Protein backbone atom coordinates (compact mmCIF):
# COMPACT_ATOMS: atom_id res chain seq x y z
CA MET A 1 -8.17 -32.53 -59.40
CA ALA A 2 -6.83 -29.66 -61.43
CA ASP A 3 -9.07 -26.89 -62.66
CA PRO A 4 -9.49 -27.28 -66.48
CA ARG A 5 -8.85 -23.58 -66.89
CA HIS A 6 -5.55 -23.91 -65.01
CA PRO A 7 -4.05 -27.28 -65.91
CA ARG A 8 -1.21 -28.64 -63.86
CA HIS A 9 2.28 -28.71 -65.25
CA TYR A 10 4.64 -31.47 -64.15
CA GLU A 11 8.40 -31.57 -64.43
CA GLU A 12 9.84 -34.14 -66.82
CA GLU A 13 11.70 -35.89 -64.00
CA PHE A 14 8.47 -36.29 -62.01
CA LYS A 15 6.75 -37.81 -65.05
CA ARG A 16 9.60 -40.26 -65.57
CA ARG A 17 9.56 -41.25 -61.90
CA ILE A 18 5.81 -41.94 -62.05
CA VAL A 19 6.23 -44.03 -65.23
CA GLN A 20 9.07 -45.93 -63.56
CA LEU A 21 6.88 -46.72 -60.54
CA TYR A 22 4.20 -48.02 -62.89
CA GLY A 23 6.77 -50.04 -64.84
CA ASN A 24 8.07 -51.57 -61.61
CA GLY A 25 4.60 -52.96 -60.90
CA LYS A 26 2.97 -50.36 -58.68
CA PRO A 27 -0.78 -50.41 -59.45
CA ALA A 28 -2.12 -47.42 -61.37
CA ARG A 29 -4.85 -46.81 -58.77
CA GLU A 30 -2.22 -46.43 -56.03
CA ILE A 31 -0.18 -44.04 -58.15
CA LYS A 32 -3.30 -42.01 -58.94
CA ALA A 33 -4.29 -41.81 -55.29
CA GLU A 34 -0.81 -41.06 -53.95
CA TYR A 35 0.28 -38.49 -56.57
CA ASP A 36 -3.15 -37.15 -57.64
CA VAL A 37 -2.52 -37.90 -61.31
CA SER A 38 -5.48 -38.83 -63.53
CA HIS A 39 -5.72 -42.18 -65.29
CA SER A 40 -5.53 -40.60 -68.75
CA THR A 41 -2.46 -38.55 -67.80
CA LEU A 42 -0.65 -41.60 -66.43
CA HIS A 43 -1.58 -43.62 -69.52
CA ARG A 44 -0.38 -40.83 -71.86
CA TRP A 45 2.98 -40.60 -70.04
CA VAL A 46 3.49 -44.38 -70.10
CA GLN A 47 2.65 -44.59 -73.82
CA GLY A 48 4.88 -41.63 -74.62
CA ILE A 49 7.88 -43.10 -72.82
CA ARG A 50 7.31 -46.48 -74.48
CA ASN A 51 6.85 -45.04 -77.98
CA SER A 52 9.42 -42.28 -78.22
CA GLY A 53 11.17 -42.04 -74.87
CA SER A 54 9.52 -38.69 -74.20
CA THR A 55 6.39 -37.46 -72.44
CA LYS A 56 6.16 -34.32 -74.57
CA ALA A 57 3.16 -34.27 -76.91
CA ALA A 58 5.17 -32.86 -79.83
CA ASP A 59 7.59 -35.79 -79.67
CA ASN A 60 4.75 -38.32 -79.78
CA ARG A 61 2.79 -36.96 -82.76
CA MET A 62 2.82 -38.53 -86.18
CA PRO A 63 4.18 -36.25 -88.95
CA GLU A 64 0.71 -35.77 -90.44
CA GLN A 65 -0.53 -34.66 -86.99
CA ASN A 66 2.17 -31.98 -86.78
CA GLU A 67 1.06 -30.14 -89.93
CA PRO A 68 -2.22 -28.72 -88.55
CA VAL A 69 -0.45 -27.71 -85.34
CA GLU A 70 2.24 -25.88 -87.31
CA LEU A 71 -0.36 -24.23 -89.56
CA ARG A 72 -2.35 -22.96 -86.54
CA LYS A 73 0.86 -21.61 -85.01
CA ARG A 74 1.79 -19.84 -88.26
CA ASN A 75 -1.73 -18.45 -88.56
CA ARG A 76 -1.53 -16.95 -85.05
CA GLN A 77 1.82 -15.34 -85.90
CA LEU A 78 0.41 -13.79 -89.08
CA GLU A 79 -2.71 -12.55 -87.27
CA MET A 80 -0.48 -10.84 -84.68
CA LYS A 81 1.50 -9.13 -87.46
CA VAL A 82 -1.71 -7.88 -89.06
CA ASP A 83 -2.94 -6.57 -85.69
CA VAL A 84 0.33 -4.71 -85.09
CA SER A 85 0.24 -3.24 -88.61
CA GLU A 86 -3.35 -2.09 -88.18
CA GLN A 87 -2.50 -0.42 -84.86
CA ALA A 88 0.65 1.21 -86.25
CA ALA A 89 -0.90 2.53 -89.48
CA PRO A 90 -2.66 5.54 -87.90
CA VAL A 91 0.53 6.51 -86.04
CA PHE A 92 2.58 6.55 -89.24
CA ALA A 93 -0.22 8.25 -91.20
CA ARG A 94 -0.08 11.26 -88.86
CA LYS A 95 3.61 11.86 -89.47
């Protein structure tokens, strides 16, 4: 299994191939054993393809679920700007 600190990243084509195998009737336990994919990962990919045609998390979120994600992203951007400004202030103050 993958180390939680270093999660695995799968190509979209691989994900679609795994979902297709499952859709064609291959048992989930065989897919998990053969491709070393967890049950929850396989289930998430299958649900994503069924719901939106995509395995990407952003494509499968409800609009109200996207707002906190976008707010956290914006907050990180603003924090980085503040950090840069704080580091640059002494440099400009000397000149």
